[in-house]
């Protein structure tokens, strides 16, 4: 299935956190938190200003981003969980 986000929304695939900490402690499934990092899979064209022209997004497909734990709406596409966020819910871009 193909999906194209509208306006200033982006489609993000969450990056799963490691199951083992750097100290060697194994984290069980029940104690894992939702990852707050993801890769942008698709992005909309941007917001419209008062004149009706599009204002482009600061992020693009392939960017690795940080976002809030409960930000956006979760959806499933072809059996894979994704999150749809507005651009202003993105906290930062990782380089």
PDB file of N, CA and C in Angstrom:
ATOM      1  N   UNK A   1       0.844  -1.171   0.000  1.00  0.00           N
ATOM      2  CA  UNK A   1       0.000   0.000   0.000  1.00  0.00           C
ATOM      3  C   UNK A   1       0.894   1.240   0.000  1.00  0.00           C
ATOM      4  N   UNK A   2       0.533   2.210  -0.770  1.00  0.00           N
ATOM      5  CA  UNK A   2       1.256   3.488  -0.804  1.00  0.00           C
ATOM      6  C   UNK A   2       0.440   4.515  -0.033  1.00  0.00           C
ATOM      7  N   UNK A   3       1.137   5.396   0.650  1.00  0.00           N
ATOM      8  CA  UNK A   3       0.469   6.457   1.395  1.00  0.00           C
ATOM      9  C   UNK A   3       1.261   7.748   1.222  1.00  0.00           C
ATOM     10  N   UNK A   4       0.544   8.839   1.067  1.00  0.00           N
ATOM     11  CA  UNK A   4       1.160  10.156   0.922  1.00  0.00           C
ATOM     12  C   UNK A   4       0.538  11.064   1.976  1.00  0.00           C
ATOM     13  N   UNK A   5       1.325  11.480   2.978  1.00  0.00           N
ATOM     14  CA  UNK A   5       0.785  12.369   4.011  1.00  0.00           C
ATOM     15  C   UNK A   5       0.369  13.717   3.416  1.00  0.00           C
ATOM     16  N   UNK A   6      -0.641  14.324   4.004  1.00  0.00           N
ATOM     17  CA  UNK A   6      -1.123  15.617   3.543  1.00  0.00           C
ATOM     18  C   UNK A   6      -0.504  16.752   4.355  1.00  0.00           C
ATOM     19  N   UNK A   7      -0.393  17.897   3.733  1.00  0.00           N
ATOM     20  CA  UNK A   7       0.052  19.150   4.344  1.00  0.00           C
ATOM     21  C   UNK A   7       1.361  18.976   5.121  1.00  0.00           C
ATOM     22  N   UNK A   8       1.378  19.302   6.426  1.00  0.00           N
ATOM     23  CA  UNK A   8       2.634  19.288   7.181  1.00  0.00           C
ATOM     24  C   UNK A   8       2.807  18.007   7.994  1.00  0.00           C
ATOM     25  N   UNK A   9       2.233  16.912   7.528  1.00  0.00           N
ATOM     26  CA  UNK A   9       2.361  15.638   8.236  1.00  0.00           C
ATOM     27  C   UNK A   9       3.468  14.789   7.623  1.00  0.00           C
ATOM     28  N   UNK A  10       4.067  13.940   8.475  1.00  0.00           N
ATOM     29  CA  UNK A  10       5.103  13.019   8.023  1.00  0.00           C
ATOM     30  C   UNK A  10       4.770  11.617   8.531  1.00  0.00           C
ATOM     31  N   UNK A  11       5.178  10.615   7.776  1.00  0.00           N
ATOM     32  CA  UNK A  11       5.004   9.215   8.147  1.00  0.00           C
ATOM     33  C   UNK A  11       6.349   8.714   8.651  1.00  0.00           C
ATOM     34  N   UNK A  12       6.374   8.216   9.891  1.00  0.00           N
ATOM     35  CA  UNK A  12       7.622   7.809  10.537  1.00  0.00           C
ATOM     36  C   UNK A  12       7.551   6.341  10.920  1.00  0.00           C
ATOM     37  N   UNK A  13       8.634   5.609  10.645  1.00  0.00           N
ATOM     38  CA  UNK A  13       8.775   4.231  11.110  1.00  0.00           C
ATOM     39  C   UNK A  13       9.669   4.287  12.337  1.00  0.00           C
ATOM     40  N   UNK A  14       9.147   3.845  13.483  1.00  0.00           N
ATOM     41  CA  UNK A  14       9.911   3.892  14.729  1.00  0.00           C
ATOM     42  C   UNK A  14      11.116   2.956  14.650  1.00  0.00           C
ATOM     43  N   UNK A  15      12.223   3.390  15.260  1.00  0.00           N
ATOM     44  CA  UNK A  15      13.425   2.569  15.364  1.00  0.00           C
ATOM     45  C   UNK A  15      13.371   1.864  16.704  1.00  0.00           C
ATOM     46  N   UNK A  16      13.404   0.544  16.685  1.00  0.00           N
ATOM     47  CA  UNK A  16      13.302  -0.234  17.914  1.00  0.00           C
ATOM     48  C   UNK A  16      14.545  -0.061  18.772  1.00  0.00           C
ATOM     49  N   UNK A  17      14.344   0.044  20.082  1.00  0.00           N
ATOM     50  CA  UNK A  17      15.449   0.176  21.034  1.00  0.00           C
ATOM     51  C   UNK A  17      16.109  -1.184  21.252  1.00  0.00           C
ATOM     52  N   UNK A  18      17.350  -1.158  21.691  1.00  0.00           N
ATOM     53  CA  UNK A  18      18.080  -2.393  21.977  1.00  0.00           C
ATOM     54  C   UNK A  18      17.467  -3.122  23.164  1.00  0.00           C
ATOM     55  N   UNK A  19      17.549  -4.463  23.142  1.00  0.00           N
ATOM     56  CA  UNK A  19      17.035  -5.261  24.245  1.00  0.00           C
ATOM     57  C   UNK A  19      18.076  -5.455  25.343  1.00  0.00           C
ATOM     58  N   UNK A  20      19.337  -5.063  25.075  1.00  0.00           N
ATOM     59  CA  UNK A  20      20.415  -5.204  26.052  1.00  0.00           C
ATOM     60  C   UNK A  20      21.057  -3.830  26.257  1.00  0.00           C
ATOM     61  N   UNK A  21      21.219  -3.425  27.514  1.00  0.00           N
ATOM     62  CA  UNK A  21      21.851  -2.144  27.808  1.00  0.00           C
ATOM     63  C   UNK A  21      23.360  -2.246  27.604  1.00  0.00           C
ATOM     64  N   UNK A  22      24.047  -1.109  27.648  1.00  0.00           N
ATOM     65  CA  UNK A  22      25.502  -1.111  27.467  1.00  0.00           C
ATOM     66  C   UNK A  22      26.203  -1.857  28.607  1.00  0.00           C
ATOM     67  N   UNK A  23      25.552  -1.972  29.761  1.00  0.00           N
ATOM     68  CA  UNK A  23      26.112  -2.707  30.901  1.00  0.00           C
ATOM     69  C   UNK A  23      25.823  -4.193  30.848  1.00  0.00           C
ATOM     70  N   UNK A  24      25.064  -4.645  29.839  1.00  0.00           N
ATOM     71  CA  UNK A  24      24.775  -6.068  29.679  1.00  0.00           C
ATOM     72  C   UNK A  24      23.466  -6.523  30.286  1.00  0.00           C
ATOM     73  N   UNK A  25      22.667  -5.602  30.789  1.00  0.00           N
ATOM     74  CA  UNK A  25      21.379  -5.959  31.386  1.00  0.00           C
ATOM     75  C   UNK A  25      20.365  -6.177  30.271  1.00  0.00           C
ATOM     76  N   UNK A  26      19.664  -7.300  30.323  1.00  0.00           N
ATOM     77  CA  UNK A  26      18.654  -7.627  29.316  1.00  0.00           C
ATOM     78  C   UNK A  26      17.318  -7.041  29.762  1.00  0.00           C
ATOM     79  N   UNK A  27      16.687  -6.269  28.875  1.00  0.00           N
ATOM     80  CA  UNK A  27      15.402  -5.631  29.179  1.00  0.00           C
ATOM     81  C   UNK A  27      14.284  -6.532  28.661  1.00  0.00           C
ATOM     82  N   UNK A  28      13.380  -6.977  29.541  1.00  0.00           N
ATOM     83  CA  UNK A  28      12.276  -7.836  29.077  1.00  0.00           C
ATOM     84  C   UNK A  28      11.263  -7.047  28.249  1.00  0.00           C
ATOM     85  N   UNK A  29      10.498  -7.763  27.434  1.00  0.00           N
ATOM     86  CA  UNK A  29       9.477  -7.142  26.569  1.00  0.00           C
ATOM     87  C   UNK A  29       8.510  -6.285  27.369  1.00  0.00           C
ATOM     88  N   UNK A  30       8.115  -6.757  28.558  1.00  0.00           N
ATOM     89  CA  UNK A  30       7.106  -6.042  29.341  1.00  0.00           C
ATOM     90  C   UNK A  30       7.614  -4.709  29.890  1.00  0.00           C
ATOM     91  N   UNK A  31       8.932  -4.521  29.976  1.00  0.00           N
ATOM     92  CA  UNK A  31       9.486  -3.294  30.538  1.00  0.00           C
ATOM     93  C   UNK A  31       9.952  -2.313  29.470  1.00  0.00           C
ATOM     94  N   UNK A  32       9.861  -2.711  28.197  1.00  0.00           N
ATOM     95  CA  UNK A  32      10.309  -1.820  27.136  1.00  0.00           C
ATOM     96  C   UNK A  32       9.380  -0.630  26.989  1.00  0.00           C
ATOM     97  N   UNK A  33       9.960   0.526  26.673  1.00  0.00           N
ATOM     98  CA  UNK A  33       9.169   1.720  26.388  1.00  0.00           C
ATOM     99  C   UNK A  33       9.087   1.917  24.890  1.00  0.00           C
ATOM    100  N   UNK A  34       8.114   2.712  24.465  1.00  0.00           N
ATOM    101  CA  UNK A  34       7.987   3.024  23.046  1.00  0.00           C
ATOM    102  C   UNK A  34       9.203   3.818  22.592  1.00  0.00           C
ATOM    103  N   UNK A  35       9.780   3.445  21.455  1.00  0.00           N
ATOM    104  CA  UNK A  35      10.931   4.218  20.969  1.00  0.00           C
ATOM    105  C   UNK A  35      10.519   5.635  20.586  1.00  0.00           C
ATOM    106  N   UNK A  36      11.441   6.582  20.776  1.00  0.00           N
ATOM    107  CA  UNK A  36      11.168   7.979  20.475  1.00  0.00           C
ATOM    108  C   UNK A  36      11.998   8.459  19.292  1.00  0.00           C
ATOM    109  N   UNK A  37      12.556   7.530  18.550  1.00  0.00           N
ATOM    110  CA  UNK A  37      13.324   7.858  17.357  1.00  0.00           C
ATOM    111  C   UNK A  37      12.689   7.137  16.185  1.00  0.00           C
ATOM    112  N   UNK A  38      12.848   7.710  15.004  1.00  0.00           N
ATOM    113  CA  UNK A  38      12.312   7.068  13.823  1.00  0.00           C
ATOM    114  C   UNK A  38      12.904   7.640  12.549  1.00  0.00           C
ATOM    115  N   UNK A  39      12.629   6.952  11.461  1.00  0.00           N
ATOM    116  CA  UNK A  39      13.059   7.372  10.132  1.00  0.00           C
ATOM    117  C   UNK A  39      11.827   7.846   9.374  1.00  0.00           C
ATOM    118  N   UNK A  40      11.924   8.995   8.723  1.00  0.00           N
ATOM    119  CA  UNK A  40      10.799   9.514   7.941  1.00  0.00           C
ATOM    120  C   UNK A  40      10.692   8.703   6.654  1.00  0.00           C
ATOM    121  N   UNK A  41       9.525   8.097   6.454  1.00  0.00           N
ATOM    122  CA  UNK A  41       9.256   7.272   5.281  1.00  0.00           C
ATOM    123  C   UNK A  41       8.642   8.110   4.160  1.00  0.00           C
ATOM    124  N   UNK A  42       7.797   9.068   4.543  1.00  0.00           N
ATOM    125  CA  UNK A  42       7.146   9.947   3.562  1.00  0.00           C
ATOM    126  C   UNK A  42       6.808  11.264   4.243  1.00  0.00           C
ATOM    127  N   UNK A  43       6.770  12.334   3.456  1.00  0.00           N
ATOM    128  CA  UNK A  43       6.457  13.659   3.989  1.00  0.00           C
ATOM    129  C   UNK A  43       5.494  14.375   3.057  1.00  0.00           C
ATOM    130  N   UNK A  44       4.613  15.164   3.637  1.00  0.00           N
ATOM    131  CA  UNK A  44       3.674  15.961   2.857  1.00  0.00           C
ATOM    132  C   UNK A  44       4.371  17.162   2.227  1.00  0.00           C
ATOM    133  N   UNK A  45       3.639  17.927   1.420  1.00  0.00           N
ATOM    134  CA  UNK A  45       4.239  19.063   0.725  1.00  0.00           C
ATOM    135  C   UNK A  45       4.510  20.270   1.623  1.00  0.00           C
ATOM    136  N   UNK A  46       3.811  20.409   2.735  1.00  0.00           N
ATOM    137  CA  UNK A  46       4.025  21.536   3.641  1.00  0.00           C
ATOM    138  C   UNK A  46       2.723  22.238   3.973  1.00  0.00           C
ATOM    139  N   UNK A  47       2.836  23.261   4.821  1.00  0.00           N
ATOM    140  CA  UNK A  47       1.672  24.056   5.217  1.00  0.00           C
ATOM    141  C   UNK A  47       1.360  25.092   4.150  1.00  0.00           C
ATOM    142  N   UNK A  48       0.157  25.608   4.180  1.00  0.00           N
ATOM    143  CA  UNK A  48      -0.218  26.734   3.315  1.00  0.00           C
ATOM    144  C   UNK A  48      -0.187  28.009   4.144  1.00  0.00           C
ATOM    145  N   UNK A  49       0.309  29.075   3.538  1.00  0.00           N
ATOM    146  CA  UNK A  49       0.284  30.377   4.224  1.00  0.00           C
ATOM    147  C   UNK A  49      -1.033  31.080   3.912  1.00  0.00           C
ATOM    148  N   UNK A  50      -1.184  32.314   4.364  1.00  0.00           N
ATOM    149  CA  UNK A  50      -2.430  33.057   4.164  1.00  0.00           C
ATOM    150  C   UNK A  50      -2.742  33.311   2.694  1.00  0.00           C
ATOM    151  N   UNK A  51      -1.711  33.383   1.856  1.00  0.00           N
ATOM    152  CA  UNK A  51      -1.904  33.611   0.422  1.00  0.00           C
ATOM    153  C   UNK A  51      -2.208  32.313  -0.327  1.00  0.00           C
ATOM    154  N   UNK A  52      -2.077  31.153   0.355  1.00  0.00           N
ATOM    155  CA  UNK A  52      -2.369  29.873  -0.287  1.00  0.00           C
ATOM    156  C   UNK A  52      -1.142  29.160  -0.827  1.00  0.00           C
ATOM    157  N   UNK A  53       0.038  29.745  -0.685  1.00  0.00           N
ATOM    158  CA  UNK A  53       1.268  29.107  -1.162  1.00  0.00           C
ATOM    159  C   UNK A  53       1.781  28.126  -0.116  1.00  0.00           C
ATOM    160  N   UNK A  54       2.430  27.059  -0.579  1.00  0.00           N
ATOM    161  CA  UNK A  54       2.972  26.069   0.340  1.00  0.00           C
ATOM    162  C   UNK A  54       4.268  26.564   0.976  1.00  0.00           C
ATOM    163  N   UNK A  55       4.418  26.308   2.274  1.00  0.00           N
ATOM    164  CA  UNK A  55       5.668  26.546   2.996  1.00  0.00           C
ATOM    165  C   UNK A  55       6.278  25.163   3.193  1.00  0.00           C
ATOM    166  N   UNK A  56       7.430  24.917   2.589  1.00  0.00           N
ATOM    167  CA  UNK A  56       8.058  23.594   2.599  1.00  0.00           C
ATOM    168  C   UNK A  56       8.433  23.156   4.015  1.00  0.00           C
ATOM    169  N   UNK A  57       8.482  21.833   4.218  1.00  0.00           N
ATOM    170  CA  UNK A  57       8.878  21.268   5.508  1.00  0.00           C
ATOM    171  C   UNK A  57      10.393  21.358   5.696  1.00  0.00           C
ATOM    172  N   UNK A  58      10.839  21.365   6.949  1.00  0.00           N
ATOM    173  CA  UNK A  58      12.269  21.369   7.259  1.00  0.00           C
ATOM    174  C   UNK A  58      12.857  19.963   7.233  1.00  0.00           C
ATOM    175  N   UNK A  59      12.008  18.936   7.234  1.00  0.00           N
ATOM    176  CA  UNK A  59      12.470  17.549   7.220  1.00  0.00           C
ATOM    177  C   UNK A  59      12.136  16.917   5.878  1.00  0.00           C
ATOM    178  N   UNK A  60      12.825  15.822   5.571  1.00  0.00           N
ATOM    179  CA  UNK A  60      12.588  15.140   4.300  1.00  0.00           C
ATOM    180  C   UNK A  60      12.659  13.634   4.504  1.00  0.00           C
ATOM    181  N   UNK A  61      12.288  12.885   3.504  1.00  0.00           N
ATOM    182  CA  UNK A  61      12.330  11.434   3.542  1.00  0.00           C
ATOM    183  C   UNK A  61      13.755  10.973   3.844  1.00  0.00           C
ATOM    184  N   UNK A  62      13.882  10.030   4.774  1.00  0.00           N
ATOM    185  CA  UNK A  62      15.186   9.493   5.132  1.00  0.00           C
ATOM    186  C   UNK A  62      15.814  10.125   6.360  1.00  0.00           C
ATOM    187  N   UNK A  63      15.289  11.261   6.837  1.00  0.00           N
ATOM    188  CA  UNK A  63      15.821  11.905   8.039  1.00  0.00           C
ATOM    189  C   UNK A  63      15.512  11.056   9.269  1.00  0.00           C
ATOM    190  N   UNK A  64      16.468  11.002  10.203  1.00  0.00           N
ATOM    191  CA  UNK A  64      16.271  10.319  11.476  1.00  0.00           C
ATOM    192  C   UNK A  64      15.857  11.390  12.479  1.00  0.00           C
ATOM    193  N   UNK A  65      14.687  11.223  13.094  1.00  0.00           N
ATOM    194  CA  UNK A  65      14.112  12.272  13.932  1.00  0.00           C
ATOM    195  C   UNK A  65      13.790  11.778  15.343  1.00  0.00           C
ATOM    196  N   UNK A  66      13.693  12.730  16.266  1.00  0.00           N
ATOM    197  CA  UNK A  66      13.237  12.496  17.629  1.00  0.00           C
ATOM    198  C   UNK A  66      11.847  13.100  17.785  1.00  0.00           C
ATOM    199  N   UNK A  67      10.995  12.423  18.540  1.00  0.00           N
ATOM    200  CA  UNK A  67       9.643  12.932  18.776  1.00  0.00           C
ATOM    201  C   UNK A  67       9.169  12.457  20.133  1.00  0.00           C
ATOM    202  N   UNK A  68       8.098  13.034  20.610  1.00  0.00           N
ATOM    203  CA  UNK A  68       7.558  12.693  21.918  1.00  0.00           C
ATOM    204  C   UNK A  68       7.052  11.262  21.984  1.00  0.00           C
ATOM    205  N   UNK A  69       7.053  10.702  23.184  1.00  0.00           N
ATOM    206  CA  UNK A  69       6.665   9.313  23.396  1.00  0.00           C
ATOM    207  C   UNK A  69       5.233   9.030  22.940  1.00  0.00           C
ATOM    208  N   UNK A  70       4.340   9.976  23.156  1.00  0.00           N
ATOM    209  CA  UNK A  70       2.931   9.763  22.809  1.00  0.00           C
ATOM    210  C   UNK A  70       2.474  10.665  21.670  1.00  0.00           C
ATOM    211  N   UNK A  71       3.403  11.166  20.872  1.00  0.00           N
ATOM    212  CA  UNK A  71       3.074  12.065  19.765  1.00  0.00           C
ATOM    213  C   UNK A  71       2.497  11.277  18.585  1.00  0.00           C
ATOM    214  N   UNK A  72       1.643  11.938  17.822  1.00  0.00           N
ATOM    215  CA  UNK A  72       1.135  11.381  16.579  1.00  0.00           C
ATOM    216  C   UNK A  72       0.074  10.312  16.743  1.00  0.00           C
ATOM    217  N   UNK A  73      -0.262   9.719  15.605  1.00  0.00           N
ATOM    218  CA  UNK A  73      -1.251   8.647  15.547  1.00  0.00           C
ATOM    219  C   UNK A  73      -0.595   7.403  14.981  1.00  0.00           C
ATOM    220  N   UNK A  74      -0.789   6.275  15.648  1.00  0.00           N
ATOM    221  CA  UNK A  74      -0.179   5.034  15.192  1.00  0.00           C
ATOM    222  C   UNK A  74      -1.086   4.341  14.182  1.00  0.00           C
ATOM    223  N   UNK A  75      -0.474   3.853  13.095  1.00  0.00           N
ATOM    224  CA  UNK A  75      -1.209   3.114  12.076  1.00  0.00           C
ATOM    225  C   UNK A  75      -0.365   1.921  11.663  1.00  0.00           C
ATOM    226  N   UNK A  76      -1.009   0.947  11.028  1.00  0.00           N
ATOM    227  CA  UNK A  76      -0.311  -0.233  10.536  1.00  0.00           C
ATOM    228  C   UNK A  76      -0.431  -0.255   9.021  1.00  0.00           C
ATOM    229  N   UNK A  77       0.708  -0.326   8.333  1.00  0.00           N
ATOM    230  CA  UNK A  77       0.733  -0.392   6.872  1.00  0.00           C
ATOM    231  C   UNK A  77       1.470  -1.651   6.479  1.00  0.00           C
ATOM    232  N   UNK A  78       0.797  -2.548   5.773  1.00  0.00           N
ATOM    233  CA  UNK A  78       1.372  -3.831   5.350  1.00  0.00           C
ATOM    234  C   UNK A  78       1.977  -4.593   6.528  1.00  0.00           C
ATOM    235  N   UNK A  79       1.330  -4.547   7.690  1.00  0.00           N
ATOM    236  CA  UNK A  79       1.784  -5.278   8.862  1.00  0.00           C
ATOM    237  C   UNK A  79       2.894  -4.607   9.655  1.00  0.00           C
ATOM    238  N   UNK A  80       3.339  -3.425   9.237  1.00  0.00           N
ATOM    239  CA  UNK A  80       4.411  -2.704   9.923  1.00  0.00           C
ATOM    240  C   UNK A  80       3.819  -1.471  10.597  1.00  0.00           C
ATOM    241  N   UNK A  81       4.162  -1.267  11.878  1.00  0.00           N
ATOM    242  CA  UNK A  81       3.629  -0.113  12.607  1.00  0.00           C
ATOM    243  C   UNK A  81       4.380   1.156  12.233  1.00  0.00           C
ATOM    244  N   UNK A  82       3.618   2.209  11.967  1.00  0.00           N
ATOM    245  CA  UNK A  82       4.149   3.533  11.636  1.00  0.00           C
ATOM    246  C   UNK A  82       3.425   4.556  12.495  1.00  0.00           C
ATOM    247  N   UNK A  83       3.949   5.771  12.520  1.00  0.00           N
ATOM    248  CA  UNK A  83       3.328   6.877  13.232  1.00  0.00           C
ATOM    249  C   UNK A  83       3.203   8.058  12.278  1.00  0.00           C
ATOM    250  N   UNK A  84       2.038   8.698  12.260  1.00  0.00           N
ATOM    251  CA  UNK A  84       1.857   9.923  11.479  1.00  0.00           C
ATOM    252  C   UNK A  84       1.931  11.094  12.450  1.00  0.00           C
ATOM    253  N   UNK A  85       2.862  12.025  12.169  1.00  0.00           N
ATOM    254  CA  UNK A  85       3.090  13.185  13.025  1.00  0.00           C
ATOM    255  C   UNK A  85       2.920  14.463  12.237  1.00  0.00           C
ATOM    256  N   UNK A  86       2.568  15.534  12.921  1.00  0.00           N
ATOM    257  CA  UNK A  86       2.666  16.866  12.328  1.00  0.00           C
ATOM    258  C   UNK A  86       4.107  17.310  12.497  1.00  0.00           C
ATOM    259  N   UNK A  87       4.569  18.186  11.627  1.00  0.00           N
ATOM    260  CA  UNK A  87       5.955  18.614  11.686  1.00  0.00           C
ATOM    261  C   UNK A  87       6.297  19.261  13.030  1.00  0.00           C
ATOM    262  N   UNK A  88       5.359  19.973  13.627  1.00  0.00           N
ATOM    263  CA  UNK A  88       5.665  20.636  14.900  1.00  0.00           C
ATOM    264  C   UNK A  88       5.745  19.677  16.084  1.00  0.00           C
ATOM    265  N   UNK A  89       5.391  18.388  15.897  1.00  0.00           N
ATOM    266  CA  UNK A  89       5.553  17.383  16.950  1.00  0.00           C
ATOM    267  C   UNK A  89       6.956  16.776  16.945  1.00  0.00           C
ATOM    268  N   UNK A  90       7.732  17.053  15.898  1.00  0.00           N
ATOM    269  CA  UNK A  90       9.105  16.557  15.807  1.00  0.00           C
ATOM    270  C   UNK A  90       9.991  17.459  16.663  1.00  0.00           C
ATOM    271  N   UNK A  91      10.769  16.834  17.551  1.00  0.00           N
ATOM    272  CA  UNK A  91      11.611  17.587  18.470  1.00  0.00           C
ATOM    273  C   UNK A  91      12.971  17.933  17.867  1.00  0.00           C
ATOM    274  N   UNK A  92      13.478  17.103  16.979  1.00  0.00           N
ATOM    275  CA  UNK A  92      14.782  17.370  16.393  1.00  0.00           C
ATOM    276  C   UNK A  92      15.148  16.342  15.340  1.00  0.00           C
ATOM    277  N   UNK A  93      16.180  16.678  14.551  1.00  0.00           N
ATOM    278  CA  UNK A  93      16.697  15.787  13.509  1.00  0.00           C
ATOM    279  C   UNK A  93      18.080  15.329  13.948  1.00  0.00           C
ATOM    280  N   UNK A  94      18.291  13.999  13.944  1.00  0.00           N
ATOM    281  CA  UNK A  94      19.594  13.445  14.310  1.00  0.00           C
ATOM    282  C   UNK A  94      20.484  13.395  13.092  1.00  0.00           C
ATOM    283  N   UNK A  95      21.773  13.707  13.274  1.00  0.00           N
ATOM    284  CA  UNK A  95      22.686  13.664  12.139  1.00  0.00           C
ATOM    285  C   UNK A  95      23.741  12.590  12.333  1.00  0.00           C
TER     286      UNK A  95
END
